[in-house]
C-alpha atoms as a PDB file:
ATOM      1  CA  MET A   1      70.355  53.003-113.757  1.00  0.00           C
ATOM      2  CA  ASN A   2      67.133  54.980-114.357  1.00  0.00           C
ATOM      3  CA  LYS A   3      65.373  56.920-111.607  1.00  0.00           C
ATOM      4  CA  ILE A   4      62.645  54.339-110.932  1.00  0.00           C
ATOM      5  CA  ASN A   5      65.230  51.602-110.471  1.00  0.00           C
ATOM      6  CA  ARG A   6      67.392  53.874-108.293  1.00  0.00           C
ATOM      7  CA  TYR A   7      64.403  54.632-106.073  1.00  0.00           C
ATOM      8  CA  ILE A   8      63.567  50.943-105.762  1.00  0.00           C
ATOM      9  CA  PHE A   9      67.216  50.378-104.869  1.00  0.00           C
ATOM     10  CA  VAL A  10      66.868  53.002-102.111  1.00  0.00           C
ATOM     11  CA  VAL A  11      63.914  51.274-100.539  1.00  0.00           C
ATOM     12  CA  VAL A  12      65.515  47.778-100.728  1.00  0.00           C
ATOM     13  CA  THR A  13      68.800  49.025 -99.398  1.00  0.00           C
ATOM     14  CA  VAL A  14      67.259  50.933 -96.425  1.00  0.00           C
ATOM     15  CA  LEU A  15      64.969  48.047 -95.498  1.00  0.00           C
ATOM     16  CA  LEU A  16      67.885  45.539 -95.627  1.00  0.00           C
ATOM     17  CA  CYS A  17      69.981  47.910 -93.419  1.00  0.00           C
ATOM     18  CA  THR A  18      67.059  48.005 -90.940  1.00  0.00           C
ATOM     19  CA  VAL A  19      66.672  44.297 -90.509  1.00  0.00           C
ATOM     20  CA  THR A  20      70.314  43.068 -90.864  1.00  0.00           C
ATOM     21  CA  THR A  21      73.751  44.139 -89.821  1.00  0.00           C
ATOM     22  CA  SER A  22      75.332  43.676 -93.267  1.00  0.00           C
ATOM     23  CA  CYS A  23      75.156  47.357 -93.989  1.00  0.00           C
ATOM     24  CA  SER A  24      77.430  48.540 -91.174  1.00  0.00           C
ATOM     25  CA  SER A  25      80.302  50.882 -91.820  1.00  0.00           C
ATOM     26  CA  ASN A  26      82.721  47.933 -91.703  1.00  0.00           C
ATOM     27  CA  ASP A  27      80.953  45.984 -94.397  1.00  0.00           C
ATOM     28  CA  ASP A  28      83.224  44.879 -97.274  1.00  0.00           C
ATOM     29  CA  ALA A  29      80.364  45.049 -99.786  1.00  0.00           C
ATOM     30  CA  GLY A  30      81.000  48.709-100.442  1.00  0.00           C
ATOM     31  CA  VAL A  31      77.411  49.941 -99.930  1.00  0.00           C
ATOM     32  CA  GLN A  32      78.701  53.115 -98.410  1.00  0.00           C
ATOM     33  CA  SER A  33      80.311  54.091-101.739  1.00  0.00           C
ATOM     34  CA  ILE A  34      77.121  53.891-103.734  1.00  0.00           C
ATOM     35  CA  GLU A  35      75.211  57.114-104.326  1.00  0.00           C
ATOM     36  CA  ILE A  36      71.692  56.622-102.856  1.00  0.00           C
ATOM     37  CA  PRO A  37      69.137  59.362-103.649  1.00  0.00           C
ATOM     38  CA  GLY A  38      67.873  61.076-100.546  1.00  0.00           C
ATOM     39  CA  ILE A  39      70.824  60.355 -98.160  1.00  0.00           C
ATOM     40  CA  THR A  40      72.443  63.333 -96.694  1.00  0.00           C
ATOM     41  CA  ILE A  41      76.129  63.197 -97.583  1.00  0.00           C
ATOM     42  CA  GLN A  42      78.975  65.721 -97.371  1.00  0.00           C
ATOM     43  CA  GLY A  43      78.400  68.538 -99.781  1.00  0.00           C
ATOM     44  CA  ASP A  44      74.679  67.738-100.144  1.00  0.00           C
ATOM     45  CA  ILE A  45      73.445  68.715 -96.666  1.00  0.00           C
ATOM     46  CA  ASP A  46      70.162  70.282 -97.954  1.00  0.00           C
ATOM     47  CA  CYS A  47      68.833  66.877 -99.115  1.00  0.00           C
ATOM     48  CA  CYS A  48      66.899  64.334 -97.058  1.00  0.00           C
ATOM     49  CA  SER A  49      68.227  61.669 -94.793  1.00  0.00           C
ATOM     50  CA  ALA A  50      67.695  58.050 -95.847  1.00  0.00           C
ATOM     51  CA  GLU A  51      64.735  57.704 -93.475  1.00  0.00           C
ATOM     52  CA  GLU A  52      63.056  60.831 -94.865  1.00  0.00           C
ATOM     53  CA  ALA A  53      63.767  59.695 -98.384  1.00  0.00           C
ATOM     54  CA  LEU A  54      62.054  56.299 -97.624  1.00  0.00           C
ATOM     55  CA  GLN A  55      59.004  58.173 -96.206  1.00  0.00           C
ATOM     56  CA  VAL A  56      58.754  60.177 -99.484  1.00  0.00           C
ATOM     57  CA  TYR A  57      59.141  57.132-101.627  1.00  0.00           C
ATOM     58  CA  LYS A  58      56.413  55.342 -99.733  1.00  0.00           C
ATOM     59  CA  PHE A  59      54.065  58.292 -99.839  1.00  0.00           C
ATOM     60  CA  LEU A  60      54.543  58.737-103.638  1.00  0.00           C
ATOM     61  CA  GLN A  61      53.124  55.206-104.107  1.00  0.00           C
ATOM     62  CA  THR A  62      49.749  56.529-102.908  1.00  0.00           C
ATOM     63  CA  VAL A  63      49.396  59.475-105.369  1.00  0.00           C
ATOM     64  CA  LYS A  64      49.756  60.091-109.147  1.00  0.00           C
ATOM     65  CA  ILE A  65      51.766  62.647-110.892  1.00  0.00           C
ATOM     66  CA  VAL A  66      50.170  65.599-112.816  1.00  0.00           C
ATOM     67  CA  PRO A  67      52.743  66.108-115.697  1.00  0.00           C
ATOM     68  CA  GLU A  68      51.289  69.493-116.670  1.00  0.00           C
ATOM     69  CA  LEU A  69      52.319  70.931-113.314  1.00  0.00           C
ATOM     70  CA  THR A  70      56.033  69.840-113.528  1.00  0.00           C
ATOM     71  CA  THR A  71      58.593  72.621-113.646  1.00  0.00           C
ATOM     72  CA  VAL A  72      62.428  72.977-113.679  1.00  0.00           C
ATOM     73  CA  VAL A  73      64.292  75.462-111.547  1.00  0.00           C
ATOM     74  CA  ASP A  74      67.460  76.973-112.897  1.00  0.00           C
ATOM     75  CA  GLY A  75      68.161  73.728-114.801  1.00  0.00           C
ATOM     76  CA  LYS A  76      69.230  72.094-111.553  1.00  0.00           C
ATOM     77  CA  TYR A  77      66.038  71.054-109.737  1.00  0.00           C
ATOM     78  CA  ASN A  78      62.769  69.295-110.750  1.00  0.00           C
ATOM     79  CA  VAL A  79      59.523  70.223-109.023  1.00  0.00           C
ATOM     80  CA  PHE A  80      56.783  67.606-109.410  1.00  0.00           C
ATOM     81  CA  ALA A  81      53.070  67.917-108.522  1.00  0.00           C
ATOM     82  CA  TYR A  82      50.735  65.152-107.563  1.00  0.00           C
ATOM     83  CA  THR A  83      47.074  64.470-106.701  1.00  0.00           C
ATOM     84  CA  LYS A  84      45.480  61.308-105.472  1.00  0.00           C
ATOM     85  CA  THR A  85      44.254  60.361-108.992  1.00  0.00           C
ATOM     86  CA  GLY A  86      46.505  62.399-111.179  1.00  0.00           C
ATOM     87  CA  SER A  87      43.512  64.572-112.156  1.00  0.00           C
ATOM     88  CA  PHE A  88      41.150  67.118-110.721  1.00  0.00           C
ATOM     89  CA  HIS A  89      37.396  67.249-109.993  1.00  0.00           C
ATOM     90  CA  VAL A  90      34.901  69.858-108.953  1.00  0.00           C
ATOM     91  CA  GLY A  91      35.325  70.671-105.265  1.00  0.00           C
ATOM     92  CA  TYR A  92      38.304  70.142-102.984  1.00  0.00           C
ATOM     93  CA  ASN A  93      41.544  68.707-104.435  1.00  0.00           C
ATOM     94  CA  GLU A  94      44.772  68.234-102.443  1.00  0.00           C
ATOM     95  CA  ILE A  95      48.003  68.992-104.383  1.00  0.00           C
ATOM     96  CA  PHE A  96      51.352  67.567-103.233  1.00  0.00           C
ATOM     97  CA  PHE A  97      54.735  68.933-104.322  1.00  0.00           C
ATOM     98  CA  VAL A  98      58.096  67.244-104.316  1.00  0.00           C
ATOM     99  CA  ALA A  99      61.542  68.682-105.396  1.00  0.00           C
ATOM    100  CA  THR A 100      64.565  66.769-106.435  1.00  0.00           C
ATOM    101  CA  LYS A 101      68.090  67.507-107.653  1.00  0.00           C
ATOM    102  CA  LYS A 102      68.443  66.770-111.345  1.00  0.00           C
ATOM    103  CA  SER A 103      72.001  65.589-111.014  1.00  0.00           C
ATOM    104  CA  SER A 104      71.379  63.007-108.300  1.00  0.00           C
ATOM    105  CA  GLY A 105      67.596  62.518-107.953  1.00  0.00           C
ATOM    106  CA  ASN A 106      67.905  63.394-104.245  1.00  0.00           C
ATOM    107  CA  TYR A 107      64.784  64.690-102.586  1.00  0.00           C
ATOM    108  CA  ILE A 108      65.030  68.222-101.244  1.00  0.00           C
ATOM    109  CA  LYS A 109      63.175  69.433 -98.090  1.00  0.00           C
ATOM    110  CA  ASN A 110      64.157  73.085 -98.194  1.00  0.00           C
ATOM    111  CA  PHE A 111      61.809  74.453-100.827  1.00  0.00           C
ATOM    112  CA  ASP A 112      58.742  76.663-100.812  1.00  0.00           C
ATOM    113  CA  VAL A 113      55.668  76.782-103.045  1.00  0.00           C
ATOM    114  CA  ASN A 114      53.665  80.059-103.107  1.00  0.00           C
ATOM    115  CA  GLY A 115      50.876  81.756-105.031  1.00  0.00           C
ATOM    116  CA  LEU A 116      48.776  78.691-105.869  1.00  0.00           C
ATOM    117  CA  THR A 117      46.317  80.213-108.293  1.00  0.00           C
ATOM    118  CA  PRO A 118      43.490  78.413-110.142  1.00  0.00           C
ATOM    119  CA  LEU A 119      41.855  80.391-112.959  1.00  0.00           C
ATOM    120  CA  MET A 120      38.995  79.598-115.415  1.00  0.00           C
ATOM    121  CA  PHE A 121      38.311  81.596-118.622  1.00  0.00           C
ATOM    122  CA  MET A 122      34.658  81.581-119.374  1.00  0.00           C
ATOM    123  CA  GLU A 123      34.705  82.239-123.168  1.00  0.00           C
ATOM    124  CA  LYS A 124      31.004  82.983-123.679  1.00  0.00           C
ATOM    125  CA  MET A 125      31.059  85.669-120.946  1.00  0.00           C
ATOM    126  CA  ASN A 126      34.593  86.835-121.952  1.00  0.00           C
ATOM    127  CA  MET A 127      35.641  86.749-118.305  1.00  0.00           C
ATOM    128  CA  LYS A 128      38.029  84.988-115.916  1.00  0.00           C
ATOM    129  CA  HIS A 129      37.423  83.892-112.296  1.00  0.00           C
ATOM    130  CA  SER A 130      39.445  82.100-109.747  1.00  0.00           C
ATOM    131  CA  SER A 131      38.467  79.735-106.974  1.00  0.00           C
ATOM    132  CA  PRO A 132      39.207  78.862-103.327  1.00  0.00           C
ATOM    133  CA  ALA A 133      42.811  77.858-102.714  1.00  0.00           C
ATOM    134  CA  SER A 134      45.004  77.313 -99.675  1.00  0.00           C
ATOM    135  CA  ASP A 135      46.825  80.340 -98.413  1.00  0.00           C
ATOM    136  CA  LEU A 136      49.900  78.181 -97.580  1.00  0.00           C
ATOM    137  CA  VAL A 137      51.562  75.148 -99.090  1.00  0.00           C
ATOM    138  CA  GLU A 138      53.238  73.388 -96.215  1.00  0.00           C
ATOM    139  CA  SER A 139      54.863  70.119 -95.051  1.00  0.00           C
ATOM    140  CA  PHE A 140      52.651  67.430 -93.559  1.00  0.00           C
ATOM    141  CA  ASP A 141      54.623  67.002 -90.354  1.00  0.00           C
ATOM    142  CA  ASN A 142      58.076  65.947 -89.313  1.00  0.00           C
ATOM    143  CA  ASN A 143      57.736  62.658 -91.152  1.00  0.00           C
ATOM    144  CA  TYR A 144      57.060  64.380 -94.498  1.00  0.00           C
ATOM    145  CA  LEU A 145      59.308  67.489 -94.526  1.00  0.00           C
ATOM    146  CA  ALA A 146      60.098  66.837 -98.206  1.00  0.00           C
ATOM    147  CA  VAL A 147      56.419  66.726 -99.348  1.00  0.00           C
ATOM    148  CA  LYS A 148      54.537  70.036 -99.427  1.00  0.00           C
ATOM    149  CA  ARG A 149      50.732  70.013 -99.453  1.00  0.00           C
ATOM    150  CA  GLY A 150      48.219  72.622-100.620  1.00  0.00           C
ATOM    151  CA  TRP A 151      44.708  72.481-102.068  1.00  0.00           C
ATOM    152  CA  VAL A 152      42.329  74.138-104.512  1.00  0.00           C
ATOM    153  CA  SER A 153      38.541  73.860-104.545  1.00  0.00           C
ATOM    154  CA  LEU A 154      37.326  74.187-108.159  1.00  0.00           C
ATOM    155  CA  VAL A 155      33.779  75.552-108.212  1.00  0.00           C
ATOM    156  CA  MET A 156      32.650  74.198-111.570  1.00  0.00           C
ATOM    157  CA  GLU A 157      33.632  71.594-114.180  1.00  0.00           C
ATOM    158  CA  GLY A 158      35.567  72.509-117.248  1.00  0.00           C
ATOM    159  CA  ASN A 159      38.975  73.804-118.336  1.00  0.00           C
ATOM    160  CA  TRP A 160      41.099  75.606-115.791  1.00  0.00           C
ATOM    161  CA  SER A 161      44.665  76.777-115.482  1.00  0.00           C
ATOM    162  CA  LEU A 162      46.888  76.560-112.417  1.00  0.00           C
ATOM    163  CA  SER A 163      49.888  78.782-111.537  1.00  0.00           C
ATOM    164  CA  TYR A 164      52.409  78.753-108.807  1.00  0.00           C
ATOM    165  CA  SER A 165      55.930  79.958-107.873  1.00  0.00           C
ATOM    166  CA  VAL A 166      58.665  77.926-106.259  1.00  0.00           C
ATOM    167  CA  ASP A 167      61.935  78.639-104.358  1.00  0.00           C
ATOM    168  CA  VAL A 168      64.369  75.767-104.202  1.00  0.00           C
ATOM    169  CA  LEU A 169      67.531  76.313-102.278  1.00  0.00           C
ATOM    170  CA  ASP A 170      69.284  79.050-104.377  1.00  0.00           C
ATOM    171  CA  GLY A 171      66.854  78.955-107.338  1.00  0.00           C
ATOM    172  CA  GLN A 172      63.473  80.335-108.269  1.00  0.00           C
ATOM    173  CA  ALA A 173      60.843  79.588-110.895  1.00  0.00           C
ATOM    174  CA  ALA A 174      57.299  80.135-111.688  1.00  0.00           C
ATOM    175  CA  LEU A 175      54.770  77.965-113.555  1.00  0.00           C
ATOM    176  CA  SER A 176      52.098  80.067-115.276  1.00  0.00           C
ATOM    177  CA  ASP A 177      48.701  78.954-116.580  1.00  0.00           C
ATOM    178  CA  ALA A 178      49.265  75.228-116.787  1.00  0.00           C
ATOM    179  CA  PRO A 179      46.128  73.594-118.176  1.00  0.00           C
ATOM    180  CA  ILE A 180      44.042  71.354-115.999  1.00  0.00           C
ATOM    181  CA  VAL A 181      40.539  69.971-116.245  1.00  0.00           C
ATOM    182  CA  ALA A 182      37.904  69.902-113.415  1.00  0.00           C
ATOM    183  CA  GLU A 183      35.978  66.695-114.013  1.00  0.00           C
ATOM    184  CA  ALA A 184      32.282  66.635-113.067  1.00  0.00           C
ATOM    185  CA  LEU A 185      31.327  64.877-109.828  1.00  0.00           C
ATOM    186  CA  PRO A 186      29.490  61.594-109.859  1.00  0.00           C
ATOM    187  CA  GLU A 187      25.727  62.081-110.286  1.00  0.00           C
ATOM    188  CA  GLY A 188      24.128  63.185-107.043  1.00  0.00           C
ATOM    189  CA  GLN A 189      27.265  64.477-105.410  1.00  0.00           C
ATOM    190  CA  GLN A 190      27.808  68.039-104.302  1.00  0.00           C
ATOM    191  CA  TRP A 191      30.913  68.899-102.250  1.00  0.00           C
ATOM    192  CA  VAL A 192      31.271  72.606-102.671  1.00  0.00           C
ATOM    193  CA  LYS A 193      28.484  75.282-102.112  1.00  0.00           C
ATOM    194  CA  SER A 194      28.368  79.021-101.932  1.00  0.00           C
ATOM    195  CA  PHE A 195      26.346  81.526 -99.926  1.00  0.00           C
ATOM    196  CA  LYS A 196      26.103  85.299 -99.600  1.00  0.00           C
ATOM    197  CA  ALA A 197      26.307  87.246 -96.367  1.00  0.00           C
ATOM    198  CA  ALA A 198      26.837  90.978 -95.645  1.00  0.00           C
ATOM    199  CA  GLY A 199      27.498  91.646 -99.330  1.00  0.00           C
ATOM    200  CA  ASN A 200      30.204  88.981 -99.627  1.00  0.00           C
ATOM    201  CA  THR A 201      30.229  85.566-101.410  1.00  0.00           C
ATOM    202  CA  TYR A 202      31.566  82.606 -99.459  1.00  0.00           C
ATOM    203  CA  TYR A 203      32.336  79.008-100.491  1.00  0.00           C
ATOM    204  CA  LEU A 204      31.991  75.915 -98.273  1.00  0.00           C
ATOM    205  CA  SER A 205      34.363  73.183 -99.444  1.00  0.00           C
ATOM    206  CA  LEU A 206      33.927  69.737 -97.960  1.00  0.00           C
ATOM    207  CA  VAL A 207      37.244  68.096 -97.397  1.00  0.00           C
ATOM    208  CA  ASN A 208      37.050  64.433 -96.289  1.00  0.00           C
ATOM    209  CA  TYR A 209      34.099  63.172 -98.393  1.00  0.00           C
ATOM    210  CA  SER A 210      36.003  60.103 -99.595  1.00  0.00           C
ATOM    211  CA  ASP A 211      36.798  59.022 -96.007  1.00  0.00           C
ATOM    212  CA  LEU A 212      33.114  59.048 -94.837  1.00  0.00           C
ATOM    213  CA  HIS A 213      31.671  55.693 -93.805  1.00  0.00           C
ATOM    214  CA  THR A 214      28.811  54.322 -91.766  1.00  0.00           C
ATOM    215  CA  GLY A 215      28.899  55.454 -88.141  1.00  0.00           C
ATOM    216  CA  THR A 216      30.393  58.610 -86.664  1.00  0.00           C
ATOM    217  CA  ASN A 217      32.897  60.500 -88.788  1.00  0.00           C
ATOM    218  CA  PRO A 218      34.984  63.557 -88.347  1.00  0.00           C
ATOM    219  CA  ILE A 219      33.889  66.115 -90.942  1.00  0.00           C
ATOM    220  CA  VAL A 220      36.139  68.858 -92.156  1.00  0.00           C
ATOM    221  CA  ALA A 221      35.565  71.858 -94.464  1.00  0.00           C
ATOM    222  CA  TYR A 222      37.019  75.261 -95.425  1.00  0.00           C
ATOM    223  CA  VAL A 223      35.150  78.519 -95.702  1.00  0.00           C
ATOM    224  CA  SER A 224      36.629  80.800 -98.351  1.00  0.00           C
ATOM    225  CA  SER A 225      35.764  84.339 -99.336  1.00  0.00           C
ATOM    226  CA  LYS A 226      35.561  85.466-102.936  1.00  0.00           C
ATOM    227  CA  SER A 227      38.477  87.795-103.862  1.00  0.00           C
ATOM    228  CA  THR A 228      37.625  91.420-104.581  1.00  0.00           C
ATOM    229  CA  ASN A 229      38.627  91.266-108.264  1.00  0.00           C
ATOM    230  CA  GLY A 230      37.486  87.638-108.744  1.00  0.00           C
ATOM    231  CA  THR A 231      40.675  86.560-110.454  1.00  0.00           C
ATOM    232  CA  ASP A 232      42.913  86.269-107.414  1.00  0.00           C
ATOM    233  CA  PRO A 233      42.589  82.929-105.508  1.00  0.00           C
ATOM    234  CA  TYR A 234      39.827  83.062-102.909  1.00  0.00           C
ATOM    235  CA  PRO A 235      41.428  83.138 -99.437  1.00  0.00           C
ATOM    236  CA  LEU A 236      40.033  81.652 -96.216  1.00  0.00           C
ATOM    237  CA  ALA A 237      37.402  83.847 -94.731  1.00  0.00           C
ATOM    238  CA  SER A 238      38.550  86.243 -92.031  1.00  0.00           C
ATOM    239  CA  GLU A 239      35.165  86.007 -90.358  1.00  0.00           C
ATOM    240  CA  GLN A 240      34.423  83.245 -87.828  1.00  0.00           C
ATOM    241  CA  PHE A 241      31.370  81.074 -88.333  1.00  0.00           C
ATOM    242  CA  THR A 242      29.703  78.021 -86.838  1.00  0.00           C
ATOM    243  CA  ILE A 243      28.176  75.492 -89.276  1.00  0.00           C
ATOM    244  CA  ASP A 244      25.261  73.406 -87.952  1.00  0.00           C
ATOM    245  CA  ILE A 245      24.680  70.142 -89.777  1.00  0.00           C
ATOM    246  CA  ASP A 246      21.577  68.093 -90.247  1.00  0.00           C
ATOM    247  CA  PRO A 247      22.124  64.878 -92.259  1.00  0.00           C
ATOM    248  CA  ARG A 248      19.125  63.352 -93.984  1.00  0.00           C
ATOM    249  CA  MET A 249      18.522  60.541 -96.452  1.00  0.00           C
ATOM    250  CA  PRO A 250      16.244  61.906 -99.163  1.00  0.00           C
ATOM    251  CA  ASP A 251      15.711  58.417-100.644  1.00  0.00           C
ATOM    252  CA  MET A 252      14.655  57.032 -97.272  1.00  0.00           C
ATOM    253  CA  GLY A 253      11.984  59.445 -96.151  1.00  0.00           C
ATOM    254  CA  ASN A 254      14.538  62.106 -95.007  1.00  0.00           C
ATOM    255  CA  HIS A 255      15.255  60.295 -91.824  1.00  0.00           C
ATOM    256  CA  THR A 256      18.158  61.846 -89.832  1.00  0.00           C
ATOM    257  CA  SER A 257      20.731  60.539 -87.386  1.00  0.00           C
ATOM    258  CA  PRO A 258      21.750  61.341 -83.773  1.00  0.00           C
ATOM    259  CA  ASP A 259      24.991  62.702 -82.290  1.00  0.00           C
ATOM    260  CA  ASN A 260      26.082  65.244 -84.897  1.00  0.00           C
ATOM    261  CA  THR A 261      28.151  68.224 -83.797  1.00  0.00           C
ATOM    262  CA  PRO A 262      28.614  71.608 -85.519  1.00  0.00           C
ATOM    263  CA  LEU A 263      31.739  72.488 -87.493  1.00  0.00           C
ATOM    264  CA  THR A 264      33.771  75.068 -85.640  1.00  0.00           C
ATOM    265  CA  LEU A 265      36.905  77.008 -86.588  1.00  0.00           C
ATOM    266  CA  GLN A 266      40.255  75.188 -85.889  1.00  0.00           C
ATOM    267  CA  SER A 267      43.739  76.679 -85.408  1.00  0.00           C
ATOM    268  CA  ASP A 268      44.758  75.613 -89.008  1.00  0.00           C
ATOM    269  CA  GLY A 269      41.872  77.576 -90.546  1.00  0.00           C
ATOM    270  CA  SER A 270      39.644  74.615 -91.193  1.00  0.00           C
ATOM    271  CA  TYR A 271      36.228  73.874 -89.702  1.00  0.00           C
ATOM    272  CA  ALA A 272      35.693  70.516 -87.986  1.00  0.00           C
ATOM    273  CA  GLY A 273      32.842  68.673 -86.407  1.00  0.00           C
ATOM    274  CA  THR A 274      31.285  65.177 -86.476  1.00  0.00           C
ATOM    275  CA  VAL A 275      28.596  63.535 -88.602  1.00  0.00           C
ATOM    276  CA  ASN A 276      26.835  60.253 -87.909  1.00  0.00           C
ATOM    277  CA  LEU A 277      25.855  58.344 -91.067  1.00  0.00           C
ATOM    278  CA  THR A 278      23.815  55.285 -89.896  1.00  0.00           C
ATOM    279  CA  MET A 279      23.599  53.442 -93.164  1.00  0.00           C
ATOM    280  CA  THR A 280      24.995  53.357 -96.783  1.00  0.00           C
ATOM    281  CA  GLY A 281      23.349  55.420 -99.537  1.00  0.00           C
ATOM    282  CA  LEU A 282      22.864  59.079-100.391  1.00  0.00           C
ATOM    283  CA  TRP A 283      23.105  61.588 -97.532  1.00  0.00           C
ATOM    284  CA  ARG A 284      22.148  65.286 -97.888  1.00  0.00           C
ATOM    285  CA  ILE A 285      23.974  67.213 -95.183  1.00  0.00           C
ATOM    286  CA  HIS A 286      21.850  70.316 -94.620  1.00  0.00           C
ATOM    287  CA  LEU A 287      23.843  73.345 -93.398  1.00  0.00           C
ATOM    288  CA  THR A 288      23.053  76.347 -91.235  1.00  0.00           C
ATOM    289  CA  VAL A 289      25.795  78.977 -91.076  1.00  0.00           C
ATOM    290  CA  ARG A 290      25.807  81.259 -88.047  1.00  0.00           C
ATOM    291  CA  ASP A 291      28.095  84.313 -87.394  1.00  0.00           C
ATOM    292  CA  SER A 292      30.190  84.885 -84.303  1.00  0.00           C
ATOM    293  CA  LYS A 293      27.111  86.176 -82.480  1.00  0.00           C
ATOM    294  CA  GLY A 294      25.029  83.133 -83.285  1.00  0.00           C
ATOM    295  CA  ASN A 295      22.887  84.868 -85.944  1.00  0.00           C
ATOM    296  CA  VAL A 296      21.933  82.723 -89.013  1.00  0.00           C
ATOM    297  CA  VAL A 297      23.538  84.137 -92.112  1.00  0.00           C
ATOM    298  CA  ALA A 298      22.979  81.337 -94.615  1.00  0.00           C
ATOM    299  CA  GLY A 299      20.928  78.075 -94.869  1.00  0.00           C
ATOM    300  CA  GLY A 300      18.482  77.002 -92.193  1.00  0.00           C
ATOM    301  CA  ASP A 301      15.753  78.611 -94.236  1.00  0.00           C
ATOM    302  CA  ASP A 302      13.043  75.909 -93.939  1.00  0.00           C
ATOM    303  CA  LEU A 303      11.970  75.313 -97.484  1.00  0.00           C
ATOM    304  CA  ALA A 304       8.747  73.543 -98.382  1.00  0.00           C
ATOM    305  CA  ASP A 305      10.314  70.263 -97.457  1.00  0.00           C
ATOM    306  CA  GLY A 306      11.330  71.758 -94.118  1.00  0.00           C
ATOM    307  CA  PHE A 307      15.050  71.635 -94.806  1.00  0.00           C
ATOM    308  CA  SER A 308      17.932  73.945 -95.684  1.00  0.00           C
ATOM    309  CA  SER A 309      18.591  75.150 -99.244  1.00  0.00           C
ATOM    310  CA  LEU A 310      22.304  74.964 -98.455  1.00  0.00           C
ATOM    311  CA  PHE A 311      23.690  71.419 -98.324  1.00  0.00           C
ATOM    312  CA  TRP A 312      26.380  68.938 -99.354  1.00  0.00           C
ATOM    313  CA  ASP A 313      25.463  65.555-100.974  1.00  0.00           C
ATOM    314  CA  VAL A 314      27.603  62.536-100.353  1.00  0.00           C
ATOM    315  CA  THR A 315      27.165  58.884-101.089  1.00  0.00           C
ATOM    316  CA  ILE A 316      28.760  56.174 -98.904  1.00  0.00           C
END
């Protein structure tokens, strides 16, 4: 039985056990003797329970694998990477990791991914540079212990590489310079912007652009600081900022909307606020960045049109 069919068997078996009593320990059908990927059995205590395996299976139906980022650990474990589309684009991209045992296909929840490093080689300038990336790759929550999530924000389109290291149970491996491509954003979209303050370069990466809709929306971003040598991944900024937002519709006379709140620092290192988008179309979200004392350090510069030179563009 191939892996896909085995995983389908897992789901069907678990669901049947949920809604019927035919899978009890006294059942004569022998279901208990069948090896089901993801179920914790004696001698395999580091793998997922049936419920956890079902959650992983269901989640993996919502993402697509990135084959270039797959690696094998000590010949015993597979580590797979996924994004929502199976590809990358300019700006913020979530990456999801899942580890399995090669011998059984069982999902493993005790593994760690570290050192997520995007790198671009600019041939004409004979130089390399990195990009913002998550400091940590972590589980979602208690429902997704076997899925680890990190992110990279690719600052320009073109050819990149991605590296990471992984520890799975008693094994270790590293994937170095796997090729990926950052695709250009749709015309008129701008989801990552940079600014300079106090001699440093910072990047503002908009997170939930695809979730924005008419009405009031939560809006989330990360502020990253360019690394000293430029080739290490850019970490989250250590400074604390406040990001004022002023959404306007440039195609509709630059009208604005009420009830927007600034983005402020959250416990997980992100910045969160609310934005009210009153109709469909192109919105230019003008940004004013303030330091911890309230001083403007970027944007809010009142250009000839009266708006900030620092902005995100989104279309809903």
